[in-house]
PDB file of N, CA and C in Angstrom:
ATOM      1  N   MET A   1    -159.817-168.817 -88.012  1.00  0.00           N
ATOM      2  CA  MET A   1    -161.026-168.805 -89.418  1.00  0.00           C
ATOM      3  C   MET A   1    -160.028-168.483 -90.679  1.00  0.00           C
ATOM      4  N   PRO A   2    -159.693-169.357 -91.150  1.00  0.00           N
ATOM      5  CA  PRO A   2    -158.702-168.233 -92.448  1.00  0.00           C
ATOM      6  C   PRO A   2    -159.420-167.468 -93.669  1.00  0.00           C
ATOM      7  N   ILE A   3    -158.458-166.613 -93.645  1.00  0.00           N
ATOM      8  CA  ILE A   3    -158.967-165.183 -94.589  1.00  0.00           C
ATOM      9  C   ILE A   3    -159.138-165.878 -96.025  1.00  0.00           C
ATOM     10  N   PRO A   4    -160.632-165.832 -96.644  1.00  0.00           N
ATOM     11  CA  PRO A   4    -160.321-166.038 -98.315  1.00  0.00           C
ATOM     12  C   PRO A   4    -159.843-164.812 -98.598  1.00  0.00           C
ATOM     13  N   SER A   5    -159.221-166.325 -99.632  1.00  0.00           N
ATOM     14  CA  SER A   5    -158.373-166.085-101.115  1.00  0.00           C
ATOM     15  C   SER A   5    -158.633-164.294-101.421  1.00  0.00           C
ATOM     16  N   SER A   6    -160.385-164.257-102.212  1.00  0.00           N
ATOM     17  CA  SER A   6    -160.515-162.675-102.202  1.00  0.00           C
ATOM     18  C   SER A   6    -160.350-161.873-102.084  1.00  0.00           C
ATOM     19  N   SER A   7    -160.476-162.025-100.499  1.00  0.00           N
ATOM     20  CA  SER A   7    -160.266-161.034 -99.295  1.00  0.00           C
ATOM     21  C   SER A   7    -159.084-160.401-100.108  1.00  0.00           C
ATOM     22  N   PHE A   8    -158.241-161.261 -99.509  1.00  0.00           N
ATOM     23  CA  PHE A   8    -156.676-161.018 -99.082  1.00  0.00           C
ATOM     24  C   PHE A   8    -156.167-160.578-100.689  1.00  0.00           C
ATOM     25  N   SER A   9    -156.482-160.667-101.514  1.00  0.00           N
ATOM     26  CA  SER A   9    -156.192-160.156-102.770  1.00  0.00           C
ATOM     27  C   SER A   9    -157.037-159.017-103.353  1.00  0.00           C
ATOM     28  N   THR A  10    -158.223-158.168-102.536  1.00  0.00           N
ATOM     29  CA  THR A  10    -159.123-157.126-102.716  1.00  0.00           C
ATOM     30  C   THR A  10    -157.757-156.200-101.906  1.00  0.00           C
ATOM     31  N   PHE A  11    -157.833-156.974-100.569  1.00  0.00           N
ATOM     32  CA  PHE A  11    -157.295-155.971 -99.479  1.00  0.00           C
ATOM     33  C   PHE A  11    -155.398-155.743-100.410  1.00  0.00           C
ATOM     34  N   ALA A  12    -154.547-156.745-100.790  1.00  0.00           N
ATOM     35  CA  ALA A  12    -154.165-156.409-101.119  1.00  0.00           C
ATOM     36  C   ALA A  12    -153.652-155.412-102.379  1.00  0.00           C
ATOM     37  N   PHE A  13    -154.859-155.464-103.236  1.00  0.00           N
ATOM     38  CA  PHE A  13    -154.448-154.377-104.249  1.00  0.00           C
ATOM     39  C   PHE A  13    -155.555-153.074-103.702  1.00  0.00           C
ATOM     40  N   VAL A  14    -156.246-152.835-102.796  1.00  0.00           N
ATOM     41  CA  VAL A  14    -156.339-151.796-101.942  1.00  0.00           C
ATOM     42  C   VAL A  14    -155.039-151.140-101.545  1.00  0.00           C
ATOM     43  N   CYS A  15    -154.546-151.633-100.829  1.00  0.00           N
ATOM     44  CA  CYS A  15    -152.727-151.360 -99.878  1.00  0.00           C
ATOM     45  C   CYS A  15    -152.035-150.594-101.278  1.00  0.00           C
ATOM     46  N   LEU A  16    -151.949-151.257-102.618  1.00  0.00           N
ATOM     47  CA  LEU A  16    -150.794-151.252-103.022  1.00  0.00           C
ATOM     48  C   LEU A  16    -151.968-149.750-104.166  1.00  0.00           C
ATOM     49  N   VAL A  17    -152.866-149.348-103.892  1.00  0.00           N
ATOM     50  CA  VAL A  17    -153.567-148.308-104.428  1.00  0.00           C
ATOM     51  C   VAL A  17    -153.217-147.288-103.897  1.00  0.00           C
ATOM     52  N   ASP A  18    -152.967-147.419-102.032  1.00  0.00           N
ATOM     53  CA  ASP A  18    -152.970-146.835-101.064  1.00  0.00           C
ATOM     54  C   ASP A  18    -151.558-146.357-101.192  1.00  0.00           C
ATOM     55  N   LEU A  19    -150.087-146.954-101.649  1.00  0.00           N
ATOM     56  CA  LEU A  19    -149.438-146.875-101.741  1.00  0.00           C
ATOM     57  C   LEU A  19    -149.030-145.682-103.062  1.00  0.00           C
ATOM     58  N   SER A  20    -149.695-147.005-104.007  1.00  0.00           N
ATOM     59  CA  SER A  20    -149.531-145.640-105.441  1.00  0.00           C
ATOM     60  C   SER A  20    -149.974-143.777-105.040  1.00  0.00           C
ATOM     61  N   ASN A  21    -151.086-143.725-104.316  1.00  0.00           N
ATOM     62  CA  ASN A  21    -151.817-142.254-104.569  1.00  0.00           C
ATOM     63  C   ASN A  21    -150.829-141.588-102.989  1.00  0.00           C
ATOM     64  N   ILE A  22    -149.908-142.621-102.566  1.00  0.00           N
ATOM     65  CA  ILE A  22    -148.527-141.665-101.048  1.00  0.00           C
ATOM     66  C   ILE A  22    -147.411-140.837-102.237  1.00  0.00           C
ATOM     67  N   PHE A  23    -147.406-142.233-103.008  1.00  0.00           N
ATOM     68  CA  PHE A  23    -146.154-141.634-103.805  1.00  0.00           C
ATOM     69  C   PHE A  23    -146.015-140.781-105.272  1.00  0.00           C
ATOM     70  N   GLU A  24    -147.584-140.572-106.003  1.00  0.00           N
ATOM     71  CA  GLU A  24    -147.564-139.839-107.160  1.00  0.00           C
ATOM     72  C   GLU A  24    -148.566-138.551-106.465  1.00  0.00           C
ATOM     73  N   SER A  25    -149.130-138.790-105.274  1.00  0.00           N
ATOM     74  CA  SER A  25    -149.781-137.791-104.950  1.00  0.00           C
ATOM     75  C   SER A  25    -149.004-136.574-104.147  1.00  0.00           C
ATOM     76  N   PHE A  26    -149.338-137.869-102.852  1.00  0.00           N
ATOM     77  CA  PHE A  26    -148.819-136.580-101.707  1.00  0.00           C
ATOM     78  C   PHE A  26    -147.850-136.793-101.219  1.00  0.00           C
ATOM     79  N   LEU A  27    -146.641-136.815-101.730  1.00  0.00           N
ATOM     80  CA  LEU A  27    -145.082-137.043-101.247  1.00  0.00           C
ATOM     81  C   LEU A  27    -145.019-135.922-102.295  1.00  0.00           C
ATOM     82  N   PRO A  28    -144.692-136.276-103.541  1.00  0.00           N
ATOM     83  CA  PRO A  28    -144.801-134.796-103.980  1.00  0.00           C
ATOM     84  C   PRO A  28    -145.605-133.323-103.566  1.00  0.00           C
ATOM     85  N   GLN A  29    -146.163-133.111-103.337  1.00  0.00           N
ATOM     86  CA  GLN A  29    -147.486-132.271-103.184  1.00  0.00           C
ATOM     87  C   GLN A  29    -146.738-131.687-101.625  1.00  0.00           C
ATOM     88  N   LEU A  30    -146.620-132.339-100.758  1.00  0.00           N
ATOM     89  CA  LEU A  30    -145.810-132.005 -99.311  1.00  0.00           C
ATOM     90  C   LEU A  30    -144.680-131.178 -99.395  1.00  0.00           C
ATOM     91  N   LEU A  31    -143.193-132.298-100.764  1.00  0.00           N
ATOM     92  CA  LEU A  31    -141.881-131.400-100.545  1.00  0.00           C
ATOM     93  C   LEU A  31    -142.070-130.263-101.775  1.00  0.00           C
ATOM     94  N   THR A  32    -143.185-130.191-102.508  1.00  0.00           N
ATOM     95  CA  THR A  32    -143.504-128.822-102.793  1.00  0.00           C
ATOM     96  C   THR A  32    -143.806-128.134-102.411  1.00  0.00           C
ATOM     97  N   TYR A  33    -144.626-128.320-101.280  1.00  0.00           N
ATOM     98  CA  TYR A  33    -145.017-127.457-100.572  1.00  0.00           C
ATOM     99  C   TYR A  33    -145.232-127.767 -98.908  1.00  0.00           C
ATOM    100  N   PRO A  34    -143.998-127.392 -98.291  1.00  0.00           N
ATOM    101  CA  PRO A  34    -143.594-127.833 -96.522  1.00  0.00           C
ATOM    102  C   PRO A  34    -144.725-126.960 -95.794  1.00  0.00           C
ATOM    103  N   ASN A  35    -144.674-127.767 -94.889  1.00  0.00           N
ATOM    104  CA  ASN A  35    -145.915-127.101 -93.952  1.00  0.00           C
ATOM    105  C   ASN A  35    -145.024-126.897 -92.525  1.00  0.00           C
ATOM    106  N   PRO A  36    -144.443-125.639 -92.808  1.00  0.00           N
ATOM    107  CA  PRO A  36    -143.644-124.715 -91.348  1.00  0.00           C
ATOM    108  C   PRO A  36    -144.366-124.013 -90.080  1.00  0.00           C
ATOM    109  N   ILE A  37    -145.700-124.192 -90.835  1.00  0.00           N
ATOM    110  CA  ILE A  37    -146.112-123.685 -89.472  1.00  0.00           C
ATOM    111  C   ILE A  37    -146.590-125.344 -88.242  1.00  0.00           C
ATOM    112  N   ASP A  38    -146.656-126.172 -89.199  1.00  0.00           N
ATOM    113  CA  ASP A  38    -146.332-127.334 -87.855  1.00  0.00           C
ATOM    114  C   ASP A  38    -145.061-128.136 -88.117  1.00  0.00           C
ATOM    115  N   PRO A  39    -144.343-128.462 -87.972  1.00  0.00           N
ATOM    116  CA  PRO A  39    -143.087-129.419 -88.789  1.00  0.00           C
ATOM    117  C   PRO A  39    -143.022-130.239 -87.743  1.00  0.00           C
ATOM    118  N   LEU A  40    -141.918-131.389 -88.478  1.00  0.00           N
ATOM    119  CA  LEU A  40    -140.890-132.380 -87.156  1.00  0.00           C
ATOM    120  C   LEU A  40    -140.318-132.164 -87.174  1.00  0.00           C
ATOM    121  N   ASN A  41    -139.602-131.117 -87.807  1.00  0.00           N
ATOM    122  CA  ASN A  41    -138.177-130.341 -87.630  1.00  0.00           C
ATOM    123  C   ASN A  41    -138.417-129.413 -87.431  1.00  0.00           C
ATOM    124  N   GLY A  42    -138.202-128.683 -86.043  1.00  0.00           N
ATOM    125  CA  GLY A  42    -138.283-126.965 -85.842  1.00  0.00           C
ATOM    126  C   GLY A  42    -137.174-126.446 -86.746  1.00  0.00           C
ATOM    127  N   ASP A  43    -135.725-126.996 -86.456  1.00  0.00           N
ATOM    128  CA  ASP A  43    -134.288-126.403 -87.076  1.00  0.00           C
ATOM    129  C   ASP A  43    -134.331-125.749 -88.480  1.00  0.00           C
ATOM    130  N   ALA A  44    -135.039-126.774 -89.205  1.00  0.00           N
ATOM    131  CA  ALA A  44    -135.671-126.903 -90.885  1.00  0.00           C
ATOM    132  C   ALA A  44    -136.426-125.829 -90.887  1.00  0.00           C
ATOM    133  N   ALA A  45    -138.216-125.720 -90.286  1.00  0.00           N
ATOM    134  CA  ALA A  45    -138.643-125.055 -90.706  1.00  0.00           C
ATOM    135  C   ALA A  45    -138.512-123.927 -90.311  1.00  0.00           C
ATOM    136  N   ALA A  46    -137.583-123.355 -89.442  1.00  0.00           N
ATOM    137  CA  ALA A  46    -136.886-121.522 -88.933  1.00  0.00           C
ATOM    138  C   ALA A  46    -136.516-121.611 -90.035  1.00  0.00           C
ATOM    139  N   MET A  47    -135.408-122.353 -90.406  1.00  0.00           N
ATOM    140  CA  MET A  47    -134.759-121.920 -91.748  1.00  0.00           C
ATOM    141  C   MET A  47    -134.971-121.444 -93.222  1.00  0.00           C
ATOM    142  N   TYR A  48    -136.025-122.543 -92.910  1.00  0.00           N
ATOM    143  CA  TYR A  48    -137.074-122.451 -94.392  1.00  0.00           C
ATOM    144  C   TYR A  48    -137.490-121.111 -94.615  1.00  0.00           C
ATOM    145  N   LEU A  49    -138.445-120.923 -93.422  1.00  0.00           N
ATOM    146  CA  LEU A  49    -138.653-119.886 -93.414  1.00  0.00           C
ATOM    147  C   LEU A  49    -138.366-118.083 -93.265  1.00  0.00           C
ATOM    148  N   HIS A  50    -137.177-118.762 -92.448  1.00  0.00           N
ATOM    149  CA  HIS A  50    -135.748-116.969 -92.267  1.00  0.00           C
ATOM    150  C   HIS A  50    -134.891-116.740 -93.501  1.00  0.00           C
ATOM    151  N   LYS A  51    -134.481-117.722 -93.815  1.00  0.00           N
ATOM    152  CA  LYS A  51    -133.101-118.140 -94.193  1.00  0.00           C
ATOM    153  C   LYS A  51    -133.362-118.858 -95.535  1.00  0.00           C
ATOM    154  N   PRO A  52    -134.591-118.415 -96.755  1.00  0.00           N
ATOM    155  CA  PRO A  52    -134.644-119.733 -97.617  1.00  0.00           C
ATOM    156  C   PRO A  52    -133.735-120.378 -98.988  1.00  0.00           C
ATOM    157  N   ASP A  53    -132.833-118.951 -99.207  1.00  0.00           N
ATOM    158  CA  ASP A  53    -131.276-119.741 -99.977  1.00  0.00           C
ATOM    159  C   ASP A  53    -130.711-120.437 -98.793  1.00  0.00           C
ATOM    160  N   GLU A  54    -130.544-120.846 -97.546  1.00  0.00           N
ATOM    161  CA  GLU A  54    -129.174-121.013 -96.989  1.00  0.00           C
ATOM    162  C   GLU A  54    -130.132-122.662 -96.751  1.00  0.00           C
ATOM    163  N   TYR A  55    -131.336-122.600 -96.722  1.00  0.00           N
ATOM    164  CA  TYR A  55    -132.350-123.885 -96.538  1.00  0.00           C
ATOM    165  C   TYR A  55    -132.149-124.766 -98.556  1.00  0.00           C
ATOM    166  N   LYS A  56    -132.248-124.041 -98.625  1.00  0.00           N
ATOM    167  CA  LYS A  56    -132.391-124.336-100.435  1.00  0.00           C
ATOM    168  C   LYS A  56    -130.630-124.972-100.556  1.00  0.00           C
ATOM    169  N   LYS A  57    -129.552-124.604-100.111  1.00  0.00           N
ATOM    170  CA  LYS A  57    -128.363-124.929 -99.971  1.00  0.00           C
ATOM    171  C   LYS A  57    -128.210-126.511 -99.332  1.00  0.00           C
ATOM    172  N   LYS A  58    -128.279-126.141 -98.245  1.00  0.00           N
ATOM    173  CA  LYS A  58    -128.382-127.336 -96.914  1.00  0.00           C
ATOM    174  C   LYS A  58    -129.619-128.688 -98.312  1.00  0.00           C
ATOM    175  N   VAL A  59    -130.305-128.189 -98.328  1.00  0.00           N
ATOM    176  CA  VAL A  59    -131.517-129.014 -98.801  1.00  0.00           C
ATOM    177  C   VAL A  59    -130.675-129.908-100.060  1.00  0.00           C
ATOM    178  N   GLN A  60    -129.562-129.718-101.277  1.00  0.00           N
ATOM    179  CA  GLN A  60    -129.238-130.073-102.453  1.00  0.00           C
ATOM    180  C   GLN A  60    -127.974-130.751-101.081  1.00  0.00           C
ATOM    181  N   GLU A  61    -127.152-130.461-100.025  1.00  0.00           N
ATOM    182  CA  GLU A  61    -126.217-130.924 -99.514  1.00  0.00           C
ATOM    183  C   GLU A  61    -126.670-132.641 -99.322  1.00  0.00           C
ATOM    184  N   TYR A  62    -127.730-132.285 -98.417  1.00  0.00           N
ATOM    185  CA  TYR A  62    -128.409-133.604 -98.180  1.00  0.00           C
ATOM    186  C   TYR A  62    -128.508-134.359 -99.164  1.00  0.00           C
ATOM    187  N   VAL A  63    -129.001-134.086-100.116  1.00  0.00           N
ATOM    188  CA  VAL A  63    -130.081-134.954-101.429  1.00  0.00           C
ATOM    189  C   VAL A  63    -128.664-135.277-101.674  1.00  0.00           C
ATOM    190  N   LYS A  64    -127.469-134.907-102.297  1.00  0.00           N
ATOM    191  CA  LYS A  64    -126.601-135.209-102.429  1.00  0.00           C
ATOM    192  C   LYS A  64    -125.779-136.250-101.566  1.00  0.00           C
ATOM    193  N   ASN A  65    -125.965-136.161-100.477  1.00  0.00           N
ATOM    194  CA  ASN A  65    -124.661-137.187 -99.373  1.00  0.00           C
ATOM    195  C   ASN A  65    -125.596-138.156 -99.167  1.00  0.00           C
ATOM    196  N   TYR A  66    -126.838-137.798 -98.947  1.00  0.00           N
ATOM    197  CA  TYR A  66    -127.467-139.069 -98.526  1.00  0.00           C
ATOM    198  C   TYR A  66    -129.101-139.334 -99.730  1.00  0.00           C
ATOM    199  N   ALA A  67    -129.505-139.131-101.060  1.00  0.00           N
ATOM    200  CA  ALA A  67    -130.385-139.323-101.856  1.00  0.00           C
ATOM    201  C   ALA A  67    -129.973-140.047-103.116  1.00  0.00           C
ATOM    202  N   THR A  68    -128.636-140.359-103.503  1.00  0.00           N
ATOM    203  CA  THR A  68    -128.106-140.455-104.661  1.00  0.00           C
ATOM    204  C   THR A  68    -127.706-141.461-104.953  1.00  0.00           C
ATOM    205  N   GLU A  69    -127.700-142.148-105.824  1.00  0.00           N
ATOM    206  CA  GLU A  69    -126.811-143.606-106.838  1.00  0.00           C
ATOM    207  C   GLU A  69    -125.473-143.508-105.958  1.00  0.00           C
ATOM    208  N   GLU A  70    -124.887-142.794-106.129  1.00  0.00           N
ATOM    209  CA  GLU A  70    -123.281-142.880-105.380  1.00  0.00           C
ATOM    210  C   GLU A  70    -123.484-143.025-103.040  1.00  0.00           C
ATOM    211  N   ALA A  71    -124.417-142.730-103.052  1.00  0.00           N
ATOM    212  CA  ALA A  71    -124.407-142.291-101.599  1.00  0.00           C
ATOM    213  C   ALA A  71    -124.677-143.475-101.303  1.00  0.00           C
ATOM    214  N   LEU A  72    -125.672-143.984-101.940  1.00  0.00           N
ATOM    215  CA  LEU A  72    -125.988-145.273-101.393  1.00  0.00           C
ATOM    216  C   LEU A  72    -124.788-146.646-101.553  1.00  0.00           C
ATOM    217  N   ARG A  73    -124.191-146.196-102.840  1.00  0.00           N
ATOM    218  CA  ARG A  73    -123.036-146.695-103.008  1.00  0.00           C
ATOM    219  C   ARG A  73    -122.359-147.102-101.628  1.00  0.00           C
ATOM    220  N   VAL A  74    -122.039-145.843-101.241  1.00  0.00           N
ATOM    221  CA  VAL A  74    -121.022-145.465-100.536  1.00  0.00           C
ATOM    222  C   VAL A  74    -121.254-146.266 -98.955  1.00  0.00           C
ATOM    223  N   GLN A  75    -122.838-146.103 -98.857  1.00  0.00           N
ATOM    224  CA  GLN A  75    -123.051-146.784 -97.672  1.00  0.00           C
ATOM    225  C   GLN A  75    -122.939-148.138 -97.685  1.00  0.00           C
ATOM    226  N   GLU A  76    -123.639-148.775 -98.596  1.00  0.00           N
ATOM    227  CA  GLU A  76    -123.466-149.678 -98.820  1.00  0.00           C
ATOM    228  C   GLU A  76    -121.931-150.666 -98.656  1.00  0.00           C
ATOM    229  N   GLU A  77    -121.214-150.282 -98.997  1.00  0.00           N
ATOM    230  CA  GLU A  77    -119.147-150.419 -99.288  1.00  0.00           C
ATOM    231  C   GLU A  77    -119.273-150.228 -97.195  1.00  0.00           C
ATOM    232  N   GLU A  78    -119.489-149.234 -96.827  1.00  0.00           N
ATOM    233  CA  GLU A  78    -119.380-148.715 -95.537  1.00  0.00           C
ATOM    234  C   GLU A  78    -119.926-150.317 -94.749  1.00  0.00           C
ATOM    235  N   GLN A  79    -121.052-150.365 -94.907  1.00  0.00           N
ATOM    236  CA  GLN A  79    -121.767-151.546 -94.309  1.00  0.00           C
ATOM    237  C   GLN A  79    -121.102-152.920 -94.445  1.00  0.00           C
ATOM    238  N   ASP A  80    -120.728-153.336 -96.093  1.00  0.00           N
ATOM    239  CA  ASP A  80    -120.052-154.392 -96.473  1.00  0.00           C
ATOM    240  C   ASP A  80    -118.688-154.278 -95.329  1.00  0.00           C
ATOM    241  N   SER A  81    -117.767-153.432 -95.073  1.00  0.00           N
ATOM    242  CA  SER A  81    -116.353-153.247 -94.376  1.00  0.00           C
ATOM    243  C   SER A  81    -117.005-153.646 -92.894  1.00  0.00           C
ATOM    244  N   SER A  82    -118.001-152.439 -92.486  1.00  0.00           N
ATOM    245  CA  SER A  82    -117.963-153.072 -90.978  1.00  0.00           C
ATOM    246  C   SER A  82    -118.330-154.827 -90.287  1.00  0.00           C
ATOM    247  N   SER A  83    -118.065-155.380 -90.258  1.00  0.00           N
ATOM    248  CA  SER A  83    -118.193-157.295 -89.872  1.00  0.00           C
ATOM    249  C   SER A  83    -118.989-157.541 -88.930  1.00  0.00           C
ATOM    250  N   GLU A  84    -119.170-156.645 -87.641  1.00  0.00           N
ATOM    251  CA  GLU A  84    -119.400-156.781 -86.189  1.00  0.00           C
ATOM    252  C   GLU A  84    -121.144-156.081 -86.016  1.00  0.00           C
ATOM    253  N   SER A  85    -121.994-156.321 -85.875  1.00  0.00           N
ATOM    254  CA  SER A  85    -123.161-155.325 -85.264  1.00  0.00           C
ATOM    255  C   SER A  85    -123.161-154.973 -84.326  1.00  0.00           C
ATOM    256  N   SER A  86    -123.203-153.967 -84.251  1.00  0.00           N
ATOM    257  CA  SER A  86    -123.844-153.355 -82.891  1.00  0.00           C
ATOM    258  C   SER A  86    -123.833-153.814 -81.668  1.00  0.00           C
ATOM    259  N   MET A  87    -125.056-155.113 -81.346  1.00  0.00           N
ATOM    260  CA  MET A  87    -124.861-155.840 -80.604  1.00  0.00           C
ATOM    261  C   MET A  87    -124.179-156.684 -80.396  1.00  0.00           C
ATOM    262  N   SER A  88    -122.626-156.970 -80.832  1.00  0.00           N
ATOM    263  CA  SER A  88    -121.978-158.058 -80.735  1.00  0.00           C
ATOM    264  C   SER A  88    -120.561-157.188 -79.410  1.00  0.00           C
ATOM    265  N   ASP A  89    -121.249-156.244 -78.774  1.00  0.00           N
ATOM    266  CA  ASP A  89    -120.462-156.086 -77.535  1.00  0.00           C
ATOM    267  C   ASP A  89    -121.397-156.769 -76.393  1.00  0.00           C
ATOM    268  N   PHE A  90    -121.903-157.264 -76.306  1.00  0.00           N
ATOM    269  CA  PHE A  90    -122.940-158.168 -75.390  1.00  0.00           C
ATOM    270  C   PHE A  90    -123.525-159.339 -76.014  1.00  0.00           C
ATOM    271  N   SER A  91    -123.038-160.191 -74.681  1.00  0.00           N
ATOM    272  CA  SER A  91    -123.525-161.506 -74.989  1.00  0.00           C
ATOM    273  C   SER A  91    -124.519-161.759 -74.844  1.00  0.00           C
ATOM    274  N   GLU A  92    -125.183-162.771 -75.208  1.00  0.00           N
ATOM    275  CA  GLU A  92    -126.490-164.074 -75.444  1.00  0.00           C
ATOM    276  C   GLU A  92    -127.219-163.141 -73.832  1.00  0.00           C
ATOM    277  N   ASP A  93    -126.770-163.250 -72.629  1.00  0.00           N
ATOM    278  CA  ASP A  93    -127.391-163.110 -71.636  1.00  0.00           C
ATOM    279  C   ASP A  93    -127.421-161.988 -71.085  1.00  0.00           C
ATOM    280  N   GLU A  94    -126.158-161.459 -71.511  1.00  0.00           N
ATOM    281  CA  GLU A  94    -126.757-159.854 -71.228  1.00  0.00           C
ATOM    282  C   GLU A  94    -127.887-159.155 -71.557  1.00  0.00           C
ATOM    283  N   ALA A  95    -128.145-159.198 -73.371  1.00  0.00           N
ATOM    284  CA  ALA A  95    -129.153-158.541 -74.043  1.00  0.00           C
ATOM    285  C   ALA A  95    -129.813-159.331 -73.476  1.00  0.00           C
ATOM    286  N   ARG A  96    -130.418-160.166 -73.113  1.00  0.00           N
ATOM    287  CA  ARG A  96    -131.531-160.697 -72.687  1.00  0.00           C
ATOM    288  C   ARG A  96    -132.449-160.286 -71.855  1.00  0.00           C
ATOM    289  N   ASP A  97    -131.576-159.802 -70.616  1.00  0.00           N
ATOM    290  CA  ASP A  97    -131.964-158.790 -69.714  1.00  0.00           C
ATOM    291  C   ASP A  97    -132.301-157.487 -69.711  1.00  0.00           C
ATOM    292  N   MET A  98    -131.624-156.803 -71.391  1.00  0.00           N
ATOM    293  CA  MET A  98    -131.928-155.744 -71.287  1.00  0.00           C
ATOM    294  C   MET A  98    -132.862-155.082 -71.778  1.00  0.00           C
ATOM    295  N   GLU A  99    -133.299-153.793 -71.017  1.00  0.00           N
ATOM    296  CA  GLU A  99    -135.438-153.623 -71.339  1.00  0.00           C
ATOM    297  C   GLU A  99    -134.947-152.826 -72.593  1.00  0.00           C
ATOM    298  N   LEU A 100    -135.805-152.868 -73.586  1.00  0.00           N
ATOM    299  CA  LEU A 100    -136.120-152.008 -74.475  1.00  0.00           C
ATOM    300  C   LEU A 100    -136.758-150.509 -74.214  1.00  0.00           C
TER     301      LEU A 100
END
């Protein structure tokens, strides 16, 4: 049974509102007030709690290296210069027999 167009547009609108909420509310709060008690990255949480100055320097370094327009340009240039994919070492038959 096809999805009625009104349901789909309502669904799309709800998804956009949810994404908007994530980017405008949740993500800034998470970045401003991280939760080191239940971390995804234990090393970063330990540094945040015990060496806050070192943590701030590390975050600034990561932002500079991975979250700037310049870093994005460098990454794109590296991808453009690499003409082979990581799967090119395997034939189609070998790749088909591999388990994920």
